[in-house]
Amino acid sequence: MTDTIAAIATALSPSGIGIVRISGPESREIAGKVYRSKGGKKKLQDVPSHSIHYGFICDGDEVIDEVLVMVMDGPRSYTGEDTVEIDCHGGVLAMRKILDTVIKNGARPADPGEFTKRAFLNGRIDLSQAEAVIDVINAKNEYALKSSVSQLRGNIQKAIKEIREDLIYQIAYIESALDDPEHISIDGYGENLYKEVKKQEERIDRLLLSVKDGKLVKEGIKTVIVGKPNAGKSSLLNTLLGEERAIVTDIAGTTRDILEETILLHGISLRIIDTAGIRETQDVVEKIGVEKAIDSAKDADLVLFVVDSSVPLDENDREIMELLKDKKTIVLLNKADLEQAVDEDDLKNTAGHPVISVSAKEEQGIDLLEDKIKELFFQGGLEFNDEIYITNARHKAALEEARKSLEMVENSIEMQMPEDFFSIDLMNAYEALGRIIGESVGEDLVNEIFSKFCTGK
C-alpha cells in the first residue's frame, strides 16, 4: 500500500484512446518526471486536483506520445489515493512505452485487480461493490449489467448492513444485561428476541429467493431445443441467431451432435443448444446424438420442444412429451406457414406446457416466444430500482450460514437455554453477513477475489 503502482487500464489492442493509470503517494512526482506541457513550464506537482492537462510524455529527450493527463488527489479518487491517469493514443506500442517509462521513473507494475483492491482497503467501496466491478466488466446482457451496476451502487451493502445493525443491537443488549443484571432486565427477553430473529430470517430468505433469478441473469438461461428429426430445430436456431449457423436440409437426422450458441432476447441471455432429432435409430452415430440430446434436456433450465405442425403427432413426439413432463418447457408448433395437421388446443392439453405457433422459416411468432420466456422466468419482468439479485456464490453461502445461525438462536430460545447461547449464534450470523461486505474476511480470501480481476482495474 506504500508503493506507487501503474498499469494500462484499457485493452491491449489498437483503439482510439488508451489509458495508463498511476496510483499511490508518488503519483504526481513520477508523472511529473515524464510529462512535458506544451510550453514546457507547467509542472504536475503544482496543478490543482481534479484537473486535466495537455502535453507530451517523454523518455528523456524522446517524445513518446501526445497526451491528456488527469490529476486526482486522494481521497477523492477511485483508489482513495493520489492518482494520475494518462490518456494517450490507443496504439499497443505507445501504451507499453508510456507504461515502461512510468515504471522506469519509480512506479511498480500493478498486480491484477490491485487498483480496486486498494479502493476496498481504503474504504472507498466494500467487498460486494468490488466484486460488482468485475461483474460489470464481464456482463453479457442488459439485465446482468443493470444488476451489477445496482450492486456497485451499494444495494447489497445497504441490505446487509441493515440486518447486521439489528443483530448487533441484540448482541449488545444481551452482553450488557449479563454484565449488569441489576440495571438491565432480560425477563421475557427470549420472546422479543424470537420475533426479531424471525424478522431477520425473512429478510435473508428474500435475498436467497433471488439467487435463482440472479444466476439466470448473470450466466444466462440454458436452453435446449429438442424435437424429432425435420421438425425445424436448426431452422429455429438460425432464426434466433439471425445467421445460418446450423446446417438445414430436408434429410432427417442431419444434426448429429449438439451445437451451442448464445443469443440475447429482450436483454436476457439464452445459452441455446441445438440437438439431434430424437427418434429410434439404428445408426450408431445418430444414436449417440440422440442420447446427448436427452441428457442435455435433463440438465436444461428451459426446453424448446419443436413440433412439426404439418404432420400428425407420432410416437416420437409422445415420447418427447413424456421426457419433458417435469421440465420447464415451451412447445413451439412450427411450420405455421404450411397446412396444419396438428390442432394447437389439442397439443396444449396433451403436452401440458405453453404452446406457441411459429414459423422458423418465415420468422413468425418469435416475439411471442421472447415474451413467454420472460414471463416463465421473471414473472414478466425484472426491476432494478429496489430489487436485489444475489448473483455471487460467495454471497449465497454467507447468507445460508447466517440463516442457519439464526435458526440455532430460535432453537436455543425454544429450549430456554441461557442468554449467552443466543449471543454466540447471533454473533456467528453477524460475522457471516460481514464476509459479504468484507468486514470479517481474511487476507487470503481478499487476495483470491482480486486475483481474478484484469490488470489495470
Protein backbone atom coordinates (compact mmCIF):
# COMPACT_ATOMS: atom_id res chain seq x y z
CA MET A 1 0.00 0.00 0.00
CA THR A 2 3.01 2.32 0.28
CA ASP A 3 4.12 1.60 -3.29
CA THR A 4 3.06 3.68 -6.26
CA ILE A 5 1.64 1.33 -8.88
CA ALA A 6 0.95 1.67 -12.60
CA ALA A 7 -0.78 -0.32 -15.33
CA ILE A 8 -2.52 0.01 -18.67
CA ALA A 9 -6.21 0.35 -17.78
CA THR A 10 -7.60 -0.21 -21.28
CA ALA A 11 -7.49 -3.25 -23.55
CA LEU A 12 -4.16 -4.11 -25.14
CA SER A 13 -5.45 -3.78 -28.69
CA PRO A 14 -5.39 -0.95 -31.23
CA SER A 15 -8.03 1.65 -30.34
CA GLY A 16 -8.68 5.38 -30.41
CA ILE A 17 -7.72 6.02 -26.78
CA GLY A 18 -5.56 4.22 -24.24
CA ILE A 19 -5.22 4.92 -20.51
CA VAL A 20 -2.21 4.37 -18.28
CA ARG A 21 -3.19 4.65 -14.61
CA ILE A 22 -0.83 5.54 -11.76
CA SER A 23 -1.89 5.34 -8.09
CA GLY A 24 -0.03 5.87 -4.85
CA PRO A 25 1.76 8.52 -2.79
CA GLU A 26 4.31 9.39 -5.51
CA SER A 27 1.85 9.55 -8.43
CA ARG A 28 2.31 13.26 -9.10
CA GLU A 29 6.07 13.12 -8.71
CA ILE A 30 6.51 10.15 -11.06
CA ALA A 31 4.09 11.51 -13.65
CA GLY A 32 5.84 14.86 -13.41
CA LYS A 33 9.14 13.26 -14.42
CA VAL A 34 7.72 12.03 -17.74
CA TYR A 35 5.21 14.80 -18.56
CA ARG A 36 6.05 17.92 -20.55
CA SER A 37 3.47 20.64 -21.02
CA LYS A 38 3.17 22.28 -24.44
CA GLY A 39 5.04 25.38 -23.27
CA GLY A 40 7.38 23.36 -21.06
CA LYS A 41 6.65 25.41 -17.94
CA LYS A 42 3.67 23.69 -16.26
CA LYS A 43 4.59 21.18 -13.53
CA LEU A 44 2.13 18.48 -12.47
CA GLN A 45 3.28 18.86 -8.89
CA ASP A 46 1.77 22.37 -8.85
CA VAL A 47 -1.56 21.88 -10.66
CA PRO A 48 -4.87 21.67 -8.76
CA SER A 49 -6.52 18.33 -8.09
CA HIS A 50 -9.16 17.04 -10.50
CA SER A 51 -7.75 18.92 -13.46
CA ILE A 52 -6.75 17.83 -16.97
CA HIS A 53 -3.63 18.97 -18.81
CA TYR A 54 -2.46 18.75 -22.41
CA GLY A 55 1.14 17.87 -23.21
CA PHE A 56 3.55 15.07 -24.05
CA ILE A 57 5.01 12.00 -22.38
CA CYS A 58 8.77 11.88 -22.79
CA ASP A 59 11.52 9.41 -22.04
CA GLY A 60 14.43 11.79 -21.59
CA ASP A 61 14.59 13.79 -24.82
CA GLU A 62 12.39 11.31 -26.75
CA VAL A 63 8.74 12.28 -27.16
CA ILE A 64 6.64 9.12 -26.88
CA ASP A 65 3.11 10.44 -27.39
CA GLU A 66 0.80 13.44 -27.26
CA VAL A 67 -1.48 13.07 -24.23
CA LEU A 68 -4.02 14.44 -21.78
CA VAL A 69 -3.09 13.94 -18.13
CA MET A 70 -5.75 13.83 -15.42
CA VAL A 71 -4.64 14.55 -11.83
CA MET A 72 -6.82 13.41 -8.89
CA ASP A 73 -5.66 13.66 -5.29
CA GLY A 74 -6.90 11.22 -2.67
CA PRO A 75 -9.24 10.51 -1.10
CA ARG A 76 -11.46 11.73 -3.99
CA SER A 77 -10.22 9.16 -6.48
CA TYR A 78 -11.12 5.60 -7.45
CA THR A 79 -8.49 4.07 -5.18
CA GLY A 80 -8.72 6.70 -2.45
CA GLU A 81 -5.07 7.55 -3.17
CA ASP A 82 -3.35 10.21 -5.25
CA THR A 83 -3.98 9.12 -8.84
CA VAL A 84 -2.80 10.23 -12.27
CA GLU A 85 -4.31 8.93 -15.50
CA ILE A 86 -2.54 9.41 -18.81
CA ASP A 87 -4.92 9.43 -21.77
CA CYS A 88 -2.83 8.58 -24.81
CA HIS A 89 -3.39 7.26 -28.31
CA GLY A 90 -4.60 3.66 -28.21
CA GLY A 91 -1.70 2.02 -30.01
CA VAL A 92 -0.32 -1.01 -28.20
CA LEU A 93 3.28 0.10 -28.64
CA ALA A 94 2.54 3.65 -27.45
CA MET A 95 0.76 2.41 -24.31
CA ARG A 96 3.53 -0.06 -23.50
CA LYS A 97 6.27 2.56 -23.96
CA ILE A 98 4.44 5.02 -21.69
CA LEU A 99 3.96 2.34 -19.02
CA ASP A 100 7.62 1.28 -19.27
CA THR A 101 8.71 4.91 -18.88
CA VAL A 102 6.47 5.40 -15.82
CA ILE A 103 7.86 2.24 -14.22
CA LYS A 104 11.43 3.29 -15.03
CA ASN A 105 10.77 6.51 -13.10
CA GLY A 106 9.69 4.89 -9.86
CA ALA A 107 6.34 3.07 -10.13
CA ARG A 108 5.98 -0.67 -9.97
CA PRO A 109 3.66 -2.79 -12.17
CA ALA A 110 0.25 -3.22 -10.57
CA ASP A 111 -0.97 -6.72 -9.71
CA PRO A 112 -4.28 -7.95 -11.17
CA GLY A 113 -7.12 -6.03 -9.54
CA GLU A 114 -4.78 -4.01 -7.34
CA PHE A 115 -6.42 -0.64 -8.06
CA THR A 116 -9.83 -1.98 -6.96
CA LYS A 117 -8.21 -3.80 -4.04
CA ARG A 118 -6.77 -0.51 -2.83
CA ALA A 119 -10.20 1.11 -3.23
CA PHE A 120 -11.57 -1.60 -0.92
CA LEU A 121 -8.74 -1.42 1.61
CA ASN A 122 -9.00 2.39 1.68
CA GLY A 123 -12.74 2.19 2.42
CA ARG A 124 -13.90 3.65 -0.90
CA ILE A 125 -16.03 0.58 -1.61
CA ASP A 126 -16.98 -2.58 0.26
CA LEU A 127 -16.21 -6.10 -0.94
CA SER A 128 -19.60 -6.63 -2.58
CA GLN A 129 -19.10 -3.44 -4.59
CA ALA A 130 -15.58 -4.51 -5.54
CA GLU A 131 -16.94 -7.81 -6.86
CA ALA A 132 -19.58 -5.86 -8.77
CA VAL A 133 -16.79 -4.09 -10.67
CA ILE A 134 -15.67 -7.32 -12.32
CA ASP A 135 -19.31 -8.29 -12.91
CA VAL A 136 -19.87 -5.02 -14.78
CA ILE A 137 -16.84 -5.78 -16.95
CA ASN A 138 -18.00 -9.36 -17.61
CA ALA A 139 -21.73 -8.62 -18.03
CA LYS A 140 -23.08 -10.47 -21.06
CA ASN A 141 -26.57 -9.00 -21.20
CA GLU A 142 -28.58 -5.92 -20.27
CA TYR A 143 -30.02 -7.36 -17.06
CA ALA A 144 -26.65 -8.65 -15.85
CA LEU A 145 -25.27 -5.16 -16.39
CA LYS A 146 -28.17 -3.50 -14.54
CA SER A 147 -27.84 -5.94 -11.66
CA SER A 148 -24.08 -5.37 -11.40
CA VAL A 149 -24.44 -1.58 -11.53
CA SER A 150 -27.13 -1.75 -8.84
CA GLN A 151 -24.74 -3.79 -6.67
CA LEU A 152 -21.93 -1.35 -7.45
CA ARG A 153 -24.13 1.47 -6.16
CA GLY A 154 -24.42 -0.38 -2.84
CA ASN A 155 -27.83 -2.08 -2.81
CA ILE A 156 -26.43 -5.32 -1.33
CA GLN A 157 -24.25 -3.38 1.09
CA LYS A 158 -27.30 -1.46 2.34
CA ALA A 159 -29.43 -4.59 2.83
CA ILE A 160 -26.67 -6.47 4.66
CA LYS A 161 -25.78 -3.52 6.90
CA GLU A 162 -29.41 -3.09 7.96
CA ILE A 163 -29.62 -6.73 9.07
CA ARG A 164 -26.26 -6.55 10.85
CA GLU A 165 -27.23 -3.37 12.69
CA ASP A 166 -30.31 -5.08 14.11
CA LEU A 167 -28.29 -8.16 15.08
CA ILE A 168 -25.51 -6.20 16.80
CA TYR A 169 -28.12 -4.28 18.80
CA GLN A 170 -29.46 -7.56 20.18
CA ILE A 171 -25.93 -8.84 20.89
CA ALA A 172 -25.05 -5.63 22.73
CA TYR A 173 -28.26 -5.79 24.76
CA ILE A 174 -27.57 -9.37 25.87
CA GLU A 175 -23.93 -8.64 26.76
CA SER A 176 -24.91 -5.52 28.66
CA ALA A 177 -27.61 -7.38 30.58
CA LEU A 178 -25.20 -10.19 31.50
CA ASP A 179 -22.60 -7.64 32.68
CA ASP A 180 -25.10 -5.51 34.61
CA PRO A 181 -28.10 -7.66 35.60
CA GLU A 182 -29.12 -5.22 38.38
CA HIS A 183 -29.96 -2.43 35.93
CA ILE A 184 -30.82 -4.29 32.71
CA SER A 185 -33.50 -6.96 32.91
CA ILE A 186 -33.78 -9.82 30.46
CA ASP A 187 -37.02 -11.21 31.86
CA GLY A 188 -39.20 -12.18 28.91
CA TYR A 189 -36.45 -11.15 26.52
CA GLY A 190 -36.46 -14.51 24.72
CA GLU A 191 -39.95 -13.90 23.32
CA ASN A 192 -38.99 -10.49 21.94
CA LEU A 193 -35.73 -11.83 20.52
CA TYR A 194 -37.62 -14.68 18.83
CA LYS A 195 -39.75 -12.16 16.93
CA GLU A 196 -36.67 -10.18 15.94
CA VAL A 197 -34.84 -13.28 14.72
CA LYS A 198 -37.88 -14.28 12.64
CA LYS A 199 -37.86 -10.81 11.07
CA GLN A 200 -34.19 -11.08 10.10
CA GLU A 201 -34.71 -14.61 8.76
CA GLU A 202 -37.43 -13.30 6.47
CA ARG A 203 -35.08 -10.61 5.14
CA ILE A 204 -32.38 -13.20 4.47
CA ASP A 205 -34.92 -15.51 2.85
CA ARG A 206 -35.94 -12.74 0.44
CA LEU A 207 -32.31 -12.38 -0.60
CA LEU A 208 -31.87 -16.14 -1.00
CA LEU A 209 -35.03 -16.35 -3.12
CA SER A 210 -33.35 -14.06 -5.64
CA VAL A 211 -30.40 -16.44 -6.12
CA LYS A 212 -32.06 -18.47 -8.88
CA ASP A 213 -33.03 -15.38 -10.87
CA GLY A 214 -29.63 -13.90 -10.14
CA LYS A 215 -27.87 -16.95 -11.60
CA LEU A 216 -30.02 -16.77 -14.73
CA VAL A 217 -29.38 -13.03 -15.06
CA LYS A 218 -25.62 -13.47 -14.75
CA GLU A 219 -24.99 -16.73 -16.61
CA GLY A 220 -27.97 -16.88 -18.95
CA ILE A 221 -30.74 -19.44 -19.36
CA LYS A 222 -29.50 -22.83 -20.52
CA THR A 223 -31.98 -23.52 -23.30
CA VAL A 224 -32.13 -26.81 -25.19
CA ILE A 225 -34.01 -27.26 -28.48
CA VAL A 226 -35.48 -30.76 -28.88
CA GLY A 227 -37.85 -32.44 -31.29
CA LYS A 228 -37.99 -35.26 -33.76
CA PRO A 229 -35.95 -35.05 -36.97
CA ASN A 230 -37.03 -32.44 -39.54
CA ALA A 231 -39.24 -30.58 -37.04
CA GLY A 232 -37.29 -27.38 -37.74
CA LYS A 233 -34.95 -27.20 -34.75
CA SER A 234 -31.92 -26.00 -36.69
CA SER A 235 -34.05 -23.54 -38.66
CA LEU A 236 -35.28 -22.12 -35.34
CA LEU A 237 -31.69 -21.75 -34.08
CA ASN A 238 -30.69 -19.93 -37.27
CA THR A 239 -33.71 -17.63 -36.97
CA LEU A 240 -32.93 -16.78 -33.36
CA LEU A 241 -29.26 -16.15 -34.18
CA GLY A 242 -30.03 -14.17 -37.32
CA GLU A 243 -27.48 -16.18 -39.30
CA GLU A 244 -27.07 -19.59 -40.95
CA ARG A 245 -25.20 -21.27 -38.10
CA ALA A 246 -26.72 -24.76 -38.29
CA ILE A 247 -26.93 -26.88 -41.43
CA VAL A 248 -30.54 -27.22 -42.63
CA THR A 249 -31.60 -29.90 -45.15
CA ASP A 250 -34.69 -31.99 -45.92
CA ILE A 251 -32.75 -35.10 -44.88
CA ALA A 252 -33.88 -36.40 -41.49
CA GLY A 253 -31.01 -36.74 -39.00
CA THR A 254 -28.79 -34.01 -40.48
CA THR A 255 -27.90 -32.74 -36.98
CA ARG A 256 -25.82 -35.44 -35.28
CA ASP A 257 -24.09 -33.53 -32.45
CA ILE A 258 -25.04 -30.68 -30.15
CA LEU A 259 -24.39 -27.10 -31.25
CA GLU A 260 -24.24 -24.32 -28.64
CA GLU A 261 -24.64 -20.56 -29.20
CA THR A 262 -25.55 -17.55 -27.05
CA ILE A 263 -28.22 -15.04 -28.04
CA LEU A 264 -29.92 -12.05 -26.42
CA LEU A 265 -33.70 -11.83 -26.16
CA HIS A 266 -35.09 -8.65 -24.55
CA GLY A 267 -31.77 -8.25 -22.71
CA ILE A 268 -31.77 -11.84 -21.39
CA SER A 269 -29.00 -14.26 -22.36
CA LEU A 270 -30.05 -17.64 -23.72
CA ARG A 271 -27.36 -20.29 -23.97
CA ILE A 272 -29.08 -22.23 -26.75
CA ILE A 273 -28.18 -25.82 -27.55
CA ASP A 274 -29.43 -27.38 -30.79
CA THR A 275 -29.61 -31.16 -30.56
CA ALA A 276 -30.06 -34.18 -32.78
CA GLY A 277 -33.61 -35.20 -33.61
CA ILE A 278 -34.95 -37.64 -31.02
CA ARG A 279 -36.15 -40.90 -32.60
CA GLU A 280 -35.48 -44.62 -32.64
CA THR A 281 -32.48 -45.24 -34.89
CA GLN A 282 -30.01 -47.98 -35.72
CA ASP A 283 -27.36 -45.52 -36.91
CA VAL A 284 -24.57 -45.66 -34.30
CA VAL A 285 -23.51 -42.02 -34.73
CA GLU A 286 -27.09 -40.71 -34.74
CA LYS A 287 -27.89 -42.80 -31.65
CA ILE A 288 -25.04 -41.05 -29.75
CA GLY A 289 -26.50 -37.70 -30.84
CA VAL A 290 -29.97 -38.71 -29.58
CA GLU A 291 -28.51 -39.73 -26.19
CA LYS A 292 -26.73 -36.37 -25.94
CA ALA A 293 -30.00 -34.59 -26.76
CA ILE A 294 -31.83 -36.41 -23.96
CA ASP A 295 -29.04 -35.70 -21.44
CA SER A 296 -28.95 -32.01 -22.44
CA ALA A 297 -32.72 -31.71 -21.96
CA LYS A 298 -32.47 -33.18 -18.44
CA ASP A 299 -29.93 -30.50 -17.38
CA ALA A 300 -31.64 -27.54 -19.11
CA ASP A 301 -33.21 -24.51 -17.45
CA LEU A 302 -35.62 -24.30 -20.38
CA VAL A 303 -36.58 -26.72 -23.17
CA LEU A 304 -37.96 -25.56 -26.51
CA PHE A 305 -39.87 -28.54 -27.89
CA VAL A 306 -40.28 -28.06 -31.65
CA VAL A 307 -43.26 -29.86 -33.18
CA ASP A 308 -43.83 -30.15 -36.94
CA SER A 309 -47.41 -28.88 -37.33
CA SER A 310 -47.64 -30.03 -40.93
CA VAL A 311 -47.73 -33.74 -39.98
CA PRO A 312 -49.76 -35.57 -37.30
CA LEU A 313 -48.15 -36.28 -33.94
CA ASP A 314 -46.42 -39.65 -33.80
CA GLU A 315 -44.81 -41.90 -31.20
CA ASN A 316 -41.55 -39.89 -31.23
CA ASP A 317 -43.46 -36.71 -30.26
CA ARG A 318 -45.27 -38.54 -27.45
CA GLU A 319 -42.03 -39.97 -26.07
CA ILE A 320 -40.50 -36.48 -26.00
CA MET A 321 -43.59 -35.15 -24.17
CA GLU A 322 -43.16 -37.84 -21.54
CA LEU A 323 -39.47 -36.94 -21.17
CA LEU A 324 -40.35 -33.27 -20.62
CA LYS A 325 -43.38 -33.57 -18.35
CA ASP A 326 -41.48 -32.23 -15.31
CA LYS A 327 -39.29 -29.73 -17.20
CA LYS A 328 -39.90 -26.01 -17.79
CA THR A 329 -40.89 -26.26 -21.43
CA ILE A 330 -42.34 -24.16 -24.25
CA VAL A 331 -43.84 -26.13 -27.12
CA LEU A 332 -43.28 -24.48 -30.49
CA LEU A 333 -45.80 -25.54 -33.10
CA ASN A 334 -43.55 -24.94 -36.06
CA LYS A 335 -44.26 -24.55 -39.80
CA ALA A 336 -47.31 -22.35 -39.21
CA ASP A 337 -46.95 -21.23 -42.84
CA LEU A 338 -47.98 -24.73 -44.06
CA GLU A 339 -51.32 -26.56 -43.92
CA GLN A 340 -51.90 -27.60 -40.31
CA ALA A 341 -52.21 -31.24 -39.27
CA VAL A 342 -51.91 -30.58 -35.51
CA ASP A 343 -54.51 -28.60 -33.53
CA GLU A 344 -52.92 -26.07 -31.15
CA ASP A 345 -55.51 -26.54 -28.37
CA ASP A 346 -55.27 -30.33 -28.53
CA LEU A 347 -51.47 -30.13 -28.34
CA LYS A 348 -51.66 -27.81 -25.34
CA ASN A 349 -53.86 -30.30 -23.47
CA THR A 350 -51.68 -33.25 -24.48
CA ALA A 351 -48.29 -31.67 -23.75
CA GLY A 352 -49.26 -29.83 -20.55
CA HIS A 353 -47.00 -26.90 -21.46
CA PRO A 354 -47.49 -23.47 -23.10
CA VAL A 355 -47.83 -23.76 -26.89
CA ILE A 356 -46.83 -21.05 -29.37
CA SER A 357 -47.48 -21.25 -33.09
CA VAL A 358 -44.36 -20.21 -35.02
CA SER A 359 -42.74 -20.40 -38.42
CA ALA A 360 -38.96 -20.53 -38.15
CA LYS A 361 -38.70 -20.22 -41.92
CA GLU A 362 -40.89 -17.07 -42.10
CA GLU A 363 -39.72 -15.76 -38.67
CA GLN A 364 -43.28 -15.69 -37.33
CA GLY A 365 -44.14 -15.89 -33.62
CA ILE A 366 -40.61 -15.18 -32.34
CA ASP A 367 -41.81 -12.11 -30.39
CA LEU A 368 -44.37 -14.29 -28.59
CA LEU A 369 -41.59 -16.73 -27.70
CA GLU A 370 -39.48 -13.92 -26.23
CA ASP A 371 -42.39 -12.68 -24.10
CA LYS A 372 -43.21 -16.19 -22.86
CA ILE A 373 -39.58 -16.82 -21.79
CA LYS A 374 -39.56 -13.59 -19.83
CA GLU A 375 -42.88 -14.48 -18.22
CA LEU A 376 -41.77 -18.00 -17.27
CA PHE A 377 -38.50 -16.96 -15.65
CA PHE A 378 -39.02 -13.44 -14.37
CA GLN A 379 -42.80 -13.17 -13.90
CA GLY A 380 -42.97 -10.90 -16.92
CA GLY A 381 -40.18 -8.51 -15.98
CA LEU A 382 -37.14 -7.59 -13.95
CA GLU A 383 -36.92 -4.44 -11.85
CA PHE A 384 -33.69 -2.96 -10.56
CA ASN A 385 -34.86 0.09 -8.63
CA ASP A 386 -35.23 -1.63 -5.25
CA GLU A 387 -34.93 -5.31 -6.12
CA ILE A 388 -31.73 -7.12 -5.19
CA TYR A 389 -30.47 -10.14 -7.08
CA ILE A 390 -27.82 -12.33 -5.46
CA THR A 391 -25.51 -13.40 -8.30
CA ASN A 392 -22.41 -14.35 -6.32
CA ALA A 393 -21.93 -17.88 -4.92
CA ARG A 394 -19.86 -16.49 -2.04
CA HIS A 395 -22.72 -14.20 -1.00
CA LYS A 396 -25.19 -17.08 -1.18
CA ALA A 397 -23.01 -19.28 1.07
CA ALA A 398 -22.66 -16.49 3.65
CA LEU A 399 -26.41 -15.84 3.68
CA GLU A 400 -27.12 -19.55 4.16
CA GLU A 401 -24.65 -19.71 7.05
CA ALA A 402 -26.23 -16.66 8.69
CA ARG A 403 -29.69 -18.20 8.23
CA LYS A 404 -28.53 -21.42 9.90
CA SER A 405 -27.10 -19.49 12.87
CA LEU A 406 -30.39 -17.65 13.36
CA GLU A 407 -32.23 -20.99 13.35
CA MET A 408 -29.92 -22.08 16.17
CA VAL A 409 -30.91 -18.96 18.11
CA GLU A 410 -34.56 -19.96 17.68
CA ASN A 411 -33.82 -23.45 18.95
CA SER A 412 -31.97 -22.07 21.97
CA ILE A 413 -34.91 -19.81 22.81
CA GLU A 414 -37.40 -22.67 22.48
CA MET A 415 -35.21 -24.87 24.72
CA GLN A 416 -34.91 -21.98 27.24
CA MET A 417 -31.13 -22.05 27.09
CA PRO A 418 -29.04 -19.36 28.87
CA GLU A 419 -28.87 -16.00 27.09
CA ASP A 420 -25.16 -16.28 26.29
CA PHE A 421 -26.07 -19.09 23.87
CA PHE A 422 -28.22 -16.56 21.99
CA SER A 423 -25.28 -14.18 21.81
CA ILE A 424 -22.87 -16.76 20.35
CA ASP A 425 -25.13 -17.69 17.44
CA LEU A 426 -26.20 -14.10 16.81
CA MET A 427 -22.52 -13.18 16.52
CA ASN A 428 -21.92 -16.05 14.10
CA ALA A 429 -24.73 -14.72 11.90
CA TYR A 430 -23.35 -11.20 12.19
CA GLU A 431 -19.87 -12.29 11.11
CA ALA A 432 -21.16 -14.46 8.25
CA LEU A 433 -23.01 -11.46 6.82
CA GLY A 434 -19.91 -9.35 7.38
CA ARG A 435 -18.00 -11.55 4.96
CA ILE A 436 -20.27 -10.38 2.14
CA ILE A 437 -19.25 -6.75 2.53
CA GLY A 438 -15.69 -7.53 3.62
CA GLU A 439 -15.86 -6.59 7.30
CA SER A 440 -14.81 -10.03 8.52
CA VAL A 441 -12.68 -11.65 5.83
CA GLY A 442 -9.15 -12.95 5.86
CA GLU A 443 -6.29 -11.70 3.73
CA ASP A 444 -6.20 -14.93 1.70
CA LEU A 445 -9.82 -14.51 0.59
CA VAL A 446 -9.27 -10.87 -0.34
CA ASN A 447 -6.22 -11.81 -2.40
CA GLU A 448 -8.11 -14.63 -4.11
CA ILE A 449 -11.03 -12.36 -5.06
CA PHE A 450 -8.86 -9.64 -6.56
CA SER A 451 -6.56 -12.08 -8.36
CA LYS A 452 -9.49 -12.77 -10.72
CA PHE A 453 -9.53 -9.15 -11.90
CA CYS A 454 -7.79 -7.95 -15.02
CA THR A 455 -4.58 -5.97 -14.61
CA GLY A 456 -5.32 -2.26 -14.66
CA LYS A 457 -8.64 -2.48 -12.78
